[in-house]
């Protein structure tokens, strides 16, 4: 199995340096984000894909649609890979999110949301759901945090936030075979439990 995990293209709130963890809030891509999505399409153009998976967030769907424009690739939604539910922090500046994140640590939930460890366990479940699918070549367009957690877990890091990976670029595919993603899900569960 080949899985290509990518963060969505730059969104309006990324540009404004504000956070969003509610898939019901429509946050479109910027023009730069649309260009990044088209570049993602160029990067995966020579890979025969059986499926595209995206989250419930419109920015992941928009990225996937632009990346696969002109290709007949079915798509499905995987809500377990949604961005972290940040509750009361919705729409606030990223600096405030980071302050609260430091104060709470990984175990305590964001006010009205979920904890980082709960999100990590959800991501591990989402990766296992991908691995259980029959398709063999899958593009996954989700969010920076699940991709970062998968990369760091696969690298054997003792921390999901890094090192070696922290600030990931938009709309760049990271390749995993099935066994590597399975080991990453195991490591995420170990670190978040």
Foldseek 3Di string as FASTA:
>chain_A
DKEWEFEAFAWPCNVVQADAQDQVDAIEHDPRRLVLLCVLLVVCVPPDFAEEEEASHPRLVSSPCSSQPPHDHYYDHQNLQGDFFQAPRHGPHNVVVVVVCVVQDQQDHHVRTGGNLVSLLSLLVSLVVVLPDPTQYYYYYYHDQSVQQLVCQLVVHLDSCDPPDHDDHHSDIDMDHSVSSNSSSVSSNVNSD
